Amino acid sequence: MTQLANLSEIRSLVDRGAIFYVGHSGGKDSQAMYAAVRKVVPDHQVRVVHADLGDIEHAGIKDFIRANIDHELIIANAIFADGSPKDFFGAVRARRATLDRNGQFDAPAFPSSASRFCTSDLKTGPVWKAIKADGDHDLVVNCVGIRAEESKARAKKIKNRGTLNLNKKNTNGKRDAFDWWPIADWLIDDVWAEILGAGQWPHEAYGFDGTTATDNDRLSCVFCIFGSVKDLRHGARLRPDLLEKYDELERDVRSTMFHGQTLKERIGIEIEVNPHQEELAL
């Protein structure tokens, strides 16, 4: 097994009875993380939580996760302040409305690397709400499968913060809360090996051939601002209906997903500069 980060500290937290909440998106990193964490944390101290992204997820994600875990799946849902369900489309439209009220008529409404409100609003926030609602546990660890190899930004974040940190926002007089990035220094081959070693197979959207991914590079939203053009093109082939919803959203909020490029333009530019690739009918 490829070693997990902070093993000595983690074993101490296990001995203290910590409950480990493994975030599972259905992607390769969280799938491998779950398999690896189970080797060092007793099953009765493991929970699995999924931030439900609704229609923008790949089809069958929750069924895929359930088929590859031996725990109950906790679903974390985002809600607006009035209690109504919040999804990506609603969050972007709400941001447009807020920007307009503040006179920022030309400010972008979509998330960006500098303003990743989709992550905080639809993933991190709901996951921590689900953790706190799960029981009166006085020691909890939120496990997130980010890796330095994924991007320079993540590598810098991991280097600066370390891989095990007290979560001050969710720590109080009754509960100590930690964030743990157990596979932060793993390479992609380590991820595939862990999944295969667990007798599992990655989600079909990857097009995994036993060695590498031939379709998606990553699995989060079908259309993600951080997705490769290959991911976006594959998503458009799988979900042309969703592509049209994003197209409508861009028009509604007077913004584009990619700094002046619409989602369709982003995909179309890649087709144009790679003429030998299969054309995508938009």
C-alpha atoms as a PDB file:
ATOM      1  CA  MET A   1       0.000   0.000   0.000  1.00  0.00           C
ATOM      2  CA  THR A   2       1.178   3.523  -0.784  1.00  0.00           C
ATOM      3  CA  GLN A   3       1.595   5.291   2.537  1.00  0.00           C
ATOM      4  CA  LEU A   4      -1.014   7.741   3.698  1.00  0.00           C
ATOM      5  CA  ALA A   5      -0.027  11.145   5.054  1.00  0.00           C
ATOM      6  CA  ASN A   6       0.302  11.749   8.812  1.00  0.00           C
ATOM      7  CA  LEU A   7      -0.011   8.106   9.801  1.00  0.00           C
ATOM      8  CA  SER A   8       1.319   8.523  13.334  1.00  0.00           C
ATOM      9  CA  GLU A   9      -1.083  11.378  14.086  1.00  0.00           C
ATOM     10  CA  ILE A  10      -3.952   9.490  12.463  1.00  0.00           C
ATOM     11  CA  ARG A  11      -3.324   6.400  14.567  1.00  0.00           C
ATOM     12  CA  SER A  12      -3.440   8.611  17.639  1.00  0.00           C
ATOM     13  CA  LEU A  13      -6.777  10.071  16.520  1.00  0.00           C
ATOM     14  CA  VAL A  14      -8.084   6.568  15.857  1.00  0.00           C
ATOM     15  CA  ASP A  15      -7.103   5.535  19.389  1.00  0.00           C
ATOM     16  CA  ARG A  16      -8.977   8.552  20.719  1.00  0.00           C
ATOM     17  CA  GLY A  17     -12.128   7.361  18.961  1.00  0.00           C
ATOM     18  CA  ALA A  18     -12.254   9.895  16.126  1.00  0.00           C
ATOM     19  CA  ILE A  19     -14.909   9.474  13.459  1.00  0.00           C
ATOM     20  CA  PHE A  20     -13.477   9.763   9.948  1.00  0.00           C
ATOM     21  CA  TYR A  21     -15.759  11.224   7.277  1.00  0.00           C
ATOM     22  CA  VAL A  22     -14.502  10.190   3.848  1.00  0.00           C
ATOM     23  CA  GLY A  23     -15.721  12.561   1.157  1.00  0.00           C
ATOM     24  CA  HIS A  24     -16.675  10.560  -1.930  1.00  0.00           C
ATOM     25  CA  SER A  25     -17.462  12.237  -5.241  1.00  0.00           C
ATOM     26  CA  GLY A  26     -17.386   9.018  -7.243  1.00  0.00           C
ATOM     27  CA  GLY A  27     -14.064  10.134  -8.688  1.00  0.00           C
ATOM     28  CA  LYS A  28     -10.878   8.102  -8.766  1.00  0.00           C
ATOM     29  CA  ASP A  29      -9.135   9.974  -5.933  1.00  0.00           C
ATOM     30  CA  SER A  30     -11.954   9.610  -3.423  1.00  0.00           C
ATOM     31  CA  GLN A  31     -12.479   5.996  -4.492  1.00  0.00           C
ATOM     32  CA  ALA A  32      -8.813   5.217  -3.831  1.00  0.00           C
ATOM     33  CA  MET A  33      -8.838   7.254  -0.612  1.00  0.00           C
ATOM     34  CA  TYR A  34     -11.764   5.287   0.794  1.00  0.00           C
ATOM     35  CA  ALA A  35     -10.023   1.985   0.095  1.00  0.00           C
ATOM     36  CA  ALA A  36      -6.785   3.196   1.671  1.00  0.00           C
ATOM     37  CA  VAL A  37      -8.335   4.829   4.743  1.00  0.00           C
ATOM     38  CA  ARG A  38     -10.131   1.606   5.611  1.00  0.00           C
ATOM     39  CA  LYS A  39      -6.752  -0.073   6.024  1.00  0.00           C
ATOM     40  CA  VAL A  40      -5.812   2.194   8.931  1.00  0.00           C
ATOM     41  CA  VAL A  41      -9.183   3.211  10.397  1.00  0.00           C
ATOM     42  CA  PRO A  42     -11.611   0.624  11.815  1.00  0.00           C
ATOM     43  CA  ASP A  43     -14.851   0.381   9.852  1.00  0.00           C
ATOM     44  CA  HIS A  44     -16.986   1.460  12.803  1.00  0.00           C
ATOM     45  CA  GLN A  45     -15.096   4.772  12.849  1.00  0.00           C
ATOM     46  CA  VAL A  46     -15.604   5.446   9.126  1.00  0.00           C
ATOM     47  CA  ARG A  47     -18.463   7.340   7.518  1.00  0.00           C
ATOM     48  CA  VAL A  48     -18.862   8.150   3.815  1.00  0.00           C
ATOM     49  CA  VAL A  49     -20.379  11.453   2.733  1.00  0.00           C
ATOM     50  CA  HIS A  50     -21.264  12.677  -0.741  1.00  0.00           C
ATOM     51  CA  ALA A  51     -21.993  16.294  -1.672  1.00  0.00           C
ATOM     52  CA  ASP A  52     -24.961  15.902  -3.995  1.00  0.00           C
ATOM     53  CA  LEU A  53     -24.517  18.225  -6.990  1.00  0.00           C
ATOM     54  CA  GLY A  54     -27.772  17.237  -8.627  1.00  0.00           C
ATOM     55  CA  ASP A  55     -28.131  17.401 -12.389  1.00  0.00           C
ATOM     56  CA  ILE A  56     -24.555  18.529 -13.024  1.00  0.00           C
ATOM     57  CA  GLU A  57     -23.131  15.255 -11.694  1.00  0.00           C
ATOM     58  CA  HIS A  58     -22.321  12.378 -14.004  1.00  0.00           C
ATOM     59  CA  ALA A  59     -25.193   9.943 -14.336  1.00  0.00           C
ATOM     60  CA  GLY A  60     -25.450   7.237 -11.714  1.00  0.00           C
ATOM     61  CA  ILE A  61     -22.751   8.644  -9.436  1.00  0.00           C
ATOM     62  CA  LYS A  62     -24.533   7.851  -6.176  1.00  0.00           C
ATOM     63  CA  ASP A  63     -25.302   4.296  -7.318  1.00  0.00           C
ATOM     64  CA  PHE A  64     -21.658   3.891  -8.328  1.00  0.00           C
ATOM     65  CA  ILE A  65     -20.444   5.065  -4.926  1.00  0.00           C
ATOM     66  CA  ARG A  66     -22.828   2.772  -3.053  1.00  0.00           C
ATOM     67  CA  ALA A  67     -21.689  -0.191  -5.142  1.00  0.00           C
ATOM     68  CA  ASN A  68     -18.074   0.435  -4.118  1.00  0.00           C
ATOM     69  CA  ILE A  69     -18.386   1.110  -0.388  1.00  0.00           C
ATOM     70  CA  ASP A  70     -19.344  -1.021   2.584  1.00  0.00           C
ATOM     71  CA  HIS A  71     -20.857   1.854   4.537  1.00  0.00           C
ATOM     72  CA  GLU A  72     -24.090   3.791   4.420  1.00  0.00           C
ATOM     73  CA  LEU A  73     -23.774   6.816   2.148  1.00  0.00           C
ATOM     74  CA  ILE A  74     -24.529  10.142   3.835  1.00  0.00           C
ATOM     75  CA  ILE A  75     -25.902  12.649   1.330  1.00  0.00           C
ATOM     76  CA  ALA A  76     -25.032  16.317   1.863  1.00  0.00           C
ATOM     77  CA  ASN A  77     -27.388  18.768   0.154  1.00  0.00           C
ATOM     78  CA  ALA A  78     -26.924  22.500  -0.272  1.00  0.00           C
ATOM     79  CA  ILE A  79     -29.756  24.867   0.629  1.00  0.00           C
ATOM     80  CA  PHE A  80     -30.397  28.589   0.367  1.00  0.00           C
ATOM     81  CA  ALA A  81     -30.992  30.704   3.474  1.00  0.00           C
ATOM     82  CA  ASP A  82     -34.761  30.328   3.002  1.00  0.00           C
ATOM     83  CA  GLY A  83     -34.444  26.543   3.137  1.00  0.00           C
ATOM     84  CA  SER A  84     -35.009  25.920  -0.565  1.00  0.00           C
ATOM     85  CA  PRO A  85     -32.651  23.548  -2.431  1.00  0.00           C
ATOM     86  CA  LYS A  86     -29.536  25.130  -3.919  1.00  0.00           C
ATOM     87  CA  ASP A  87     -27.864  23.825  -7.052  1.00  0.00           C
ATOM     88  CA  PHE A  88     -25.186  25.185  -9.370  1.00  0.00           C
ATOM     89  CA  PHE A  89     -27.649  26.995 -11.621  1.00  0.00           C
ATOM     90  CA  GLY A  90     -29.393  28.613  -8.688  1.00  0.00           C
ATOM     91  CA  ALA A  91     -26.082  29.592  -7.087  1.00  0.00           C
ATOM     92  CA  VAL A  92     -24.820  31.286 -10.262  1.00  0.00           C
ATOM     93  CA  ARG A  93     -28.107  33.133 -10.798  1.00  0.00           C
ATOM     94  CA  ALA A  94     -28.116  34.238  -7.152  1.00  0.00           C
ATOM     95  CA  ARG A  95     -24.569  35.560  -7.543  1.00  0.00           C
ATOM     96  CA  ARG A  96     -25.614  37.513 -10.651  1.00  0.00           C
ATOM     97  CA  ALA A  97     -28.478  39.067  -8.691  1.00  0.00           C
ATOM     98  CA  THR A  98     -26.173  40.015  -5.812  1.00  0.00           C
ATOM     99  CA  LEU A  99     -23.588  41.534  -8.150  1.00  0.00           C
ATOM    100  CA  ASP A 100     -26.271  43.534  -9.929  1.00  0.00           C
ATOM    101  CA  ARG A 101     -27.657  44.844  -6.638  1.00  0.00           C
ATOM    102  CA  ASN A 102     -24.148  46.039  -5.818  1.00  0.00           C
ATOM    103  CA  GLY A 103     -23.809  47.774  -9.178  1.00  0.00           C
ATOM    104  CA  GLN A 104     -21.260  45.237 -10.451  1.00  0.00           C
ATOM    105  CA  PHE A 105     -23.065  44.680 -13.718  1.00  0.00           C
ATOM    106  CA  ASP A 106     -19.997  43.503 -15.614  1.00  0.00           C
ATOM    107  CA  ALA A 107     -18.555  41.254 -12.911  1.00  0.00           C
ATOM    108  CA  PRO A 108     -18.516  37.535 -13.800  1.00  0.00           C
ATOM    109  CA  ALA A 109     -21.208  35.401 -12.225  1.00  0.00           C
ATOM    110  CA  PHE A 110     -19.495  32.043 -12.710  1.00  0.00           C
ATOM    111  CA  PRO A 111     -16.994  30.543 -10.280  1.00  0.00           C
ATOM    112  CA  SER A 112     -13.301  31.006 -11.013  1.00  0.00           C
ATOM    113  CA  SER A 113      -9.987  29.992  -9.489  1.00  0.00           C
ATOM    114  CA  ALA A 114     -10.105  33.229  -7.490  1.00  0.00           C
ATOM    115  CA  SER A 115     -13.720  32.763  -6.400  1.00  0.00           C
ATOM    116  CA  ARG A 116     -14.589  29.098  -6.024  1.00  0.00           C
ATOM    117  CA  PHE A 117     -17.972  29.652  -4.420  1.00  0.00           C
ATOM    118  CA  CYS A 118     -19.273  26.480  -6.063  1.00  0.00           C
ATOM    119  CA  THR A 119     -16.922  24.453  -3.849  1.00  0.00           C
ATOM    120  CA  SER A 120     -17.776  26.262  -0.624  1.00  0.00           C
ATOM    121  CA  ASP A 121     -21.522  26.539  -1.303  1.00  0.00           C
ATOM    122  CA  LEU A 122     -22.195  23.140  -2.842  1.00  0.00           C
ATOM    123  CA  LYS A 123     -19.504  20.897  -1.349  1.00  0.00           C
ATOM    124  CA  THR A 124     -17.538  22.019   1.695  1.00  0.00           C
ATOM    125  CA  GLY A 125     -20.366  23.787   3.497  1.00  0.00           C
ATOM    126  CA  PRO A 126     -22.972  21.037   3.035  1.00  0.00           C
ATOM    127  CA  VAL A 127     -20.453  18.314   3.926  1.00  0.00           C
ATOM    128  CA  TRP A 128     -19.608  19.966   7.248  1.00  0.00           C
ATOM    129  CA  LYS A 129     -23.301  20.501   7.949  1.00  0.00           C
ATOM    130  CA  ALA A 130     -23.871  16.784   7.344  1.00  0.00           C
ATOM    131  CA  ILE A 131     -20.929  15.882   9.595  1.00  0.00           C
ATOM    132  CA  LYS A 132     -22.302  17.966  12.445  1.00  0.00           C
ATOM    133  CA  ALA A 133     -25.782  16.510  11.966  1.00  0.00           C
ATOM    134  CA  ASP A 134     -24.532  12.929  11.980  1.00  0.00           C
ATOM    135  CA  GLY A 135     -24.149  12.681  15.732  1.00  0.00           C
ATOM    136  CA  ASP A 136     -22.729  14.244  18.856  1.00  0.00           C
ATOM    137  CA  HIS A 137     -19.120  13.232  18.140  1.00  0.00           C
ATOM    138  CA  ASP A 138     -16.441  15.127  20.026  1.00  0.00           C
ATOM    139  CA  LEU A 139     -13.631  14.279  17.572  1.00  0.00           C
ATOM    140  CA  VAL A 140     -14.150  14.261  13.786  1.00  0.00           C
ATOM    141  CA  VAL A 141     -11.837  14.119  10.782  1.00  0.00           C
ATOM    142  CA  ASN A 142     -12.927  15.302   7.336  1.00  0.00           C
ATOM    143  CA  CYS A 143     -10.994  13.296   4.708  1.00  0.00           C
ATOM    144  CA  VAL A 144     -10.566  14.933   1.299  1.00  0.00           C
ATOM    145  CA  GLY A 145      -8.828  13.311  -1.659  1.00  0.00           C
ATOM    146  CA  ILE A 146      -6.884  16.202  -3.141  1.00  0.00           C
ATOM    147  CA  ARG A 147      -3.447  15.507  -4.625  1.00  0.00           C
ATOM    148  CA  ALA A 148      -0.480  17.767  -5.366  1.00  0.00           C
ATOM    149  CA  GLU A 149      -0.046  16.197  -8.794  1.00  0.00           C
ATOM    150  CA  GLU A 150      -3.415  17.546  -9.927  1.00  0.00           C
ATOM    151  CA  SER A 151      -2.292  21.150 -10.321  1.00  0.00           C
ATOM    152  CA  LYS A 152       0.336  23.683  -9.313  1.00  0.00           C
ATOM    153  CA  ALA A 153      -2.276  25.511  -7.234  1.00  0.00           C
ATOM    154  CA  ARG A 154      -3.099  22.389  -5.236  1.00  0.00           C
ATOM    155  CA  ALA A 155       0.564  21.516  -4.821  1.00  0.00           C
ATOM    156  CA  LYS A 156       1.199  24.995  -3.416  1.00  0.00           C
ATOM    157  CA  LYS A 157      -1.831  24.766  -1.133  1.00  0.00           C
ATOM    158  CA  ILE A 158      -0.699  21.408   0.224  1.00  0.00           C
ATOM    159  CA  LYS A 159       2.867  22.611   0.726  1.00  0.00           C
ATOM    160  CA  ASN A 160       1.730  25.736   2.565  1.00  0.00           C
ATOM    161  CA  ARG A 161      -0.920  24.137   4.769  1.00  0.00           C
ATOM    162  CA  GLY A 162       0.303  20.611   5.343  1.00  0.00           C
ATOM    163  CA  THR A 163      -1.942  17.567   5.154  1.00  0.00           C
ATOM    164  CA  LEU A 164      -3.541  17.480   8.613  1.00  0.00           C
ATOM    165  CA  ASN A 165      -4.990  20.627  10.141  1.00  0.00           C
ATOM    166  CA  LEU A 166      -7.318  21.648  12.914  1.00  0.00           C
ATOM    167  CA  ASN A 167     -10.467  23.038  11.329  1.00  0.00           C
ATOM    168  CA  LYS A 168     -10.952  26.100  13.516  1.00  0.00           C
ATOM    169  CA  LYS A 169     -14.288  27.038  11.972  1.00  0.00           C
ATOM    170  CA  ASN A 170     -15.886  23.742  12.974  1.00  0.00           C
ATOM    171  CA  THR A 171     -14.051  23.256  16.265  1.00  0.00           C
ATOM    172  CA  ASN A 172     -15.793  24.378  19.441  1.00  0.00           C
ATOM    173  CA  GLY A 173     -15.935  23.603  23.137  1.00  0.00           C
ATOM    174  CA  LYS A 174     -17.659  20.286  22.449  1.00  0.00           C
ATOM    175  CA  ARG A 175     -15.939  19.132  19.258  1.00  0.00           C
ATOM    176  CA  ASP A 176     -12.434  19.025  17.801  1.00  0.00           C
ATOM    177  CA  ALA A 177     -12.524  18.947  13.995  1.00  0.00           C
ATOM    178  CA  PHE A 178      -9.691  18.193  11.603  1.00  0.00           C
ATOM    179  CA  ASP A 179      -9.160  18.272   7.839  1.00  0.00           C
ATOM    180  CA  TRP A 180      -6.998  15.455   6.476  1.00  0.00           C
ATOM    181  CA  TRP A 181      -5.641  15.089   2.951  1.00  0.00           C
ATOM    182  CA  PRO A 182      -4.434  11.484   3.149  1.00  0.00           C
ATOM    183  CA  ILE A 183      -3.337  10.948  -0.471  1.00  0.00           C
ATOM    184  CA  ALA A 184      -1.898  14.415  -1.110  1.00  0.00           C
ATOM    185  CA  ASP A 185       1.462  13.118  -2.346  1.00  0.00           C
ATOM    186  CA  TRP A 186       0.142  10.158  -4.356  1.00  0.00           C
ATOM    187  CA  LEU A 187       0.740   9.955  -8.086  1.00  0.00           C
ATOM    188  CA  ILE A 188      -1.924   8.868 -10.543  1.00  0.00           C
ATOM    189  CA  ASP A 189      -0.432   5.368 -10.815  1.00  0.00           C
ATOM    190  CA  ASP A 190      -0.801   5.009  -7.036  1.00  0.00           C
ATOM    191  CA  VAL A 191      -4.480   5.897  -7.357  1.00  0.00           C
ATOM    192  CA  TRP A 192      -5.180   3.329 -10.080  1.00  0.00           C
ATOM    193  CA  ALA A 193      -3.224   0.676  -8.173  1.00  0.00           C
ATOM    194  CA  GLU A 194      -5.215   1.272  -4.985  1.00  0.00           C
ATOM    195  CA  ILE A 195      -8.535   0.996  -6.810  1.00  0.00           C
ATOM    196  CA  LEU A 196      -7.537  -2.174  -8.641  1.00  0.00           C
ATOM    197  CA  GLY A 197      -6.038  -3.607  -5.465  1.00  0.00           C
ATOM    198  CA  ALA A 198      -9.427  -3.180  -3.801  1.00  0.00           C
ATOM    199  CA  GLY A 199     -11.006  -5.278  -6.554  1.00  0.00           C
ATOM    200  CA  GLN A 200     -12.794  -2.266  -8.024  1.00  0.00           C
ATOM    201  CA  TRP A 201     -12.870  -0.325 -11.293  1.00  0.00           C
ATOM    202  CA  PRO A 202     -13.103   3.457 -11.793  1.00  0.00           C
ATOM    203  CA  HIS A 203     -16.295   5.110 -12.989  1.00  0.00           C
ATOM    204  CA  GLU A 204     -17.044   4.490 -16.659  1.00  0.00           C
ATOM    205  CA  ALA A 205     -16.670   8.189 -17.525  1.00  0.00           C
ATOM    206  CA  TYR A 206     -12.888   7.781 -17.237  1.00  0.00           C
ATOM    207  CA  GLY A 207     -12.760   5.210 -20.004  1.00  0.00           C
ATOM    208  CA  PHE A 208     -10.150   3.396 -17.919  1.00  0.00           C
ATOM    209  CA  ASP A 209      -8.332   0.733 -19.931  1.00  0.00           C
ATOM    210  CA  GLY A 210      -6.525  -0.916 -17.043  1.00  0.00           C
ATOM    211  CA  THR A 211      -3.607   1.512 -17.143  1.00  0.00           C
ATOM    212  CA  THR A 212      -4.840   4.999 -17.894  1.00  0.00           C
ATOM    213  CA  ALA A 213      -7.968   7.105 -18.471  1.00  0.00           C
ATOM    214  CA  THR A 214      -8.853   7.451 -22.141  1.00  0.00           C
ATOM    215  CA  ASP A 215     -11.885   9.725 -21.655  1.00  0.00           C
ATOM    216  CA  ASN A 216     -12.219  11.968 -18.584  1.00  0.00           C
ATOM    217  CA  ASP A 217      -9.112  13.150 -16.750  1.00  0.00           C
ATOM    218  CA  ARG A 218     -11.159  13.989 -13.669  1.00  0.00           C
ATOM    219  CA  LEU A 219     -14.672  13.375 -12.421  1.00  0.00           C
ATOM    220  CA  SER A 220     -16.496  16.160 -10.684  1.00  0.00           C
ATOM    221  CA  CYS A 221     -19.165  18.148 -12.447  1.00  0.00           C
ATOM    222  CA  VAL A 222     -19.886  17.098 -16.025  1.00  0.00           C
ATOM    223  CA  PHE A 223     -18.785  20.611 -17.004  1.00  0.00           C
ATOM    224  CA  CYS A 224     -16.242  22.069 -14.595  1.00  0.00           C
ATOM    225  CA  ILE A 225     -14.237  25.278 -14.893  1.00  0.00           C
ATOM    226  CA  PHE A 226     -11.170  23.224 -13.993  1.00  0.00           C
ATOM    227  CA  GLY A 227     -11.953  20.372 -16.384  1.00  0.00           C
ATOM    228  CA  SER A 228      -9.723  19.712 -19.368  1.00  0.00           C
ATOM    229  CA  VAL A 229     -11.125  20.321 -22.830  1.00  0.00           C
ATOM    230  CA  LYS A 230     -11.150  16.548 -23.234  1.00  0.00           C
ATOM    231  CA  ASP A 231     -13.406  16.319 -20.161  1.00  0.00           C
ATOM    232  CA  LEU A 232     -15.696  19.016 -21.515  1.00  0.00           C
ATOM    233  CA  ARG A 233     -15.975  17.372 -24.927  1.00  0.00           C
ATOM    234  CA  HIS A 234     -16.711  14.008 -23.380  1.00  0.00           C
ATOM    235  CA  GLY A 235     -19.313  15.586 -21.113  1.00  0.00           C
ATOM    236  CA  ALA A 236     -20.995  17.174 -24.125  1.00  0.00           C
ATOM    237  CA  ARG A 237     -21.182  13.820 -25.868  1.00  0.00           C
ATOM    238  CA  LEU A 238     -22.700  12.228 -22.766  1.00  0.00           C
ATOM    239  CA  ARG A 239     -25.038  15.092 -21.810  1.00  0.00           C
ATOM    240  CA  PRO A 240     -25.989  17.320 -24.774  1.00  0.00           C
ATOM    241  CA  ASP A 241     -29.105  18.304 -22.814  1.00  0.00           C
ATOM    242  CA  LEU A 242     -26.964  19.629 -19.973  1.00  0.00           C
ATOM    243  CA  LEU A 243     -24.756  21.510 -22.425  1.00  0.00           C
ATOM    244  CA  GLU A 244     -27.834  23.430 -23.565  1.00  0.00           C
ATOM    245  CA  LYS A 245     -28.730  24.261 -19.951  1.00  0.00           C
ATOM    246  CA  TYR A 246     -25.269  25.778 -19.444  1.00  0.00           C
ATOM    247  CA  ASP A 247     -25.628  27.700 -22.688  1.00  0.00           C
ATOM    248  CA  GLU A 248     -28.911  29.148 -21.440  1.00  0.00           C
ATOM    249  CA  LEU A 249     -27.356  29.942 -18.058  1.00  0.00           C
ATOM    250  CA  GLU A 250     -24.509  31.894 -19.669  1.00  0.00           C
ATOM    251  CA  ARG A 251     -27.013  34.036 -21.531  1.00  0.00           C
ATOM    252  CA  ASP A 252     -29.199  34.541 -18.450  1.00  0.00           C
ATOM    253  CA  VAL A 253     -26.350  35.768 -16.238  1.00  0.00           C
ATOM    254  CA  ARG A 254     -24.497  37.699 -18.959  1.00  0.00           C
ATOM    255  CA  SER A 255     -21.292  35.779 -18.262  1.00  0.00           C
ATOM    256  CA  THR A 256     -19.265  32.988 -19.755  1.00  0.00           C
ATOM    257  CA  MET A 257     -17.657  30.067 -17.972  1.00  0.00           C
ATOM    258  CA  PHE A 258     -14.130  30.640 -19.244  1.00  0.00           C
ATOM    259  CA  HIS A 259     -13.008  34.288 -19.142  1.00  0.00           C
ATOM    260  CA  GLY A 260     -14.690  35.448 -22.323  1.00  0.00           C
ATOM    261  CA  GLN A 261     -15.241  31.992 -23.804  1.00  0.00           C
ATOM    262  CA  THR A 262     -18.558  30.248 -23.655  1.00  0.00           C
ATOM    263  CA  LEU A 263     -18.630  26.562 -22.847  1.00  0.00           C
ATOM    264  CA  LYS A 264     -19.458  25.761 -26.470  1.00  0.00           C
ATOM    265  CA  GLU A 265     -16.612  27.973 -27.701  1.00  0.00           C
ATOM    266  CA  ARG A 266     -14.188  26.255 -25.353  1.00  0.00           C
ATOM    267  CA  ILE A 267     -15.115  22.892 -26.788  1.00  0.00           C
ATOM    268  CA  GLY A 268     -15.270  24.164 -30.378  1.00  0.00           C
ATOM    269  CA  ILE A 269     -11.809  25.769 -30.246  1.00  0.00           C
ATOM    270  CA  GLU A 270     -10.282  22.451 -29.251  1.00  0.00           C
ATOM    271  CA  ILE A 271     -12.008  20.746 -32.182  1.00  0.00           C
ATOM    272  CA  GLU A 272     -10.719  23.389 -34.560  1.00  0.00           C
ATOM    273  CA  VAL A 273      -7.069  23.168 -33.490  1.00  0.00           C
ATOM    274  CA  ASN A 274      -7.137  19.360 -33.353  1.00  0.00           C
ATOM    275  CA  PRO A 275      -8.694  18.481 -36.728  1.00  0.00           C
ATOM    276  CA  HIS A 276      -7.842  14.793 -36.401  1.00  0.00           C
ATOM    277  CA  GLN A 277     -10.048  14.434 -33.346  1.00  0.00           C
ATOM    278  CA  GLU A 278     -13.635  13.298 -33.681  1.00  0.00           C
ATOM    279  CA  GLU A 279     -15.959  16.251 -34.298  1.00  0.00           C
ATOM    280  CA  LEU A 280     -18.566  17.077 -31.710  1.00  0.00           C
ATOM    281  CA  ALA A 281     -21.970  18.089 -32.966  1.00  0.00           C
ATOM    282  CA  LEU A 282     -23.122  20.990 -30.838  1.00  0.00           C
END
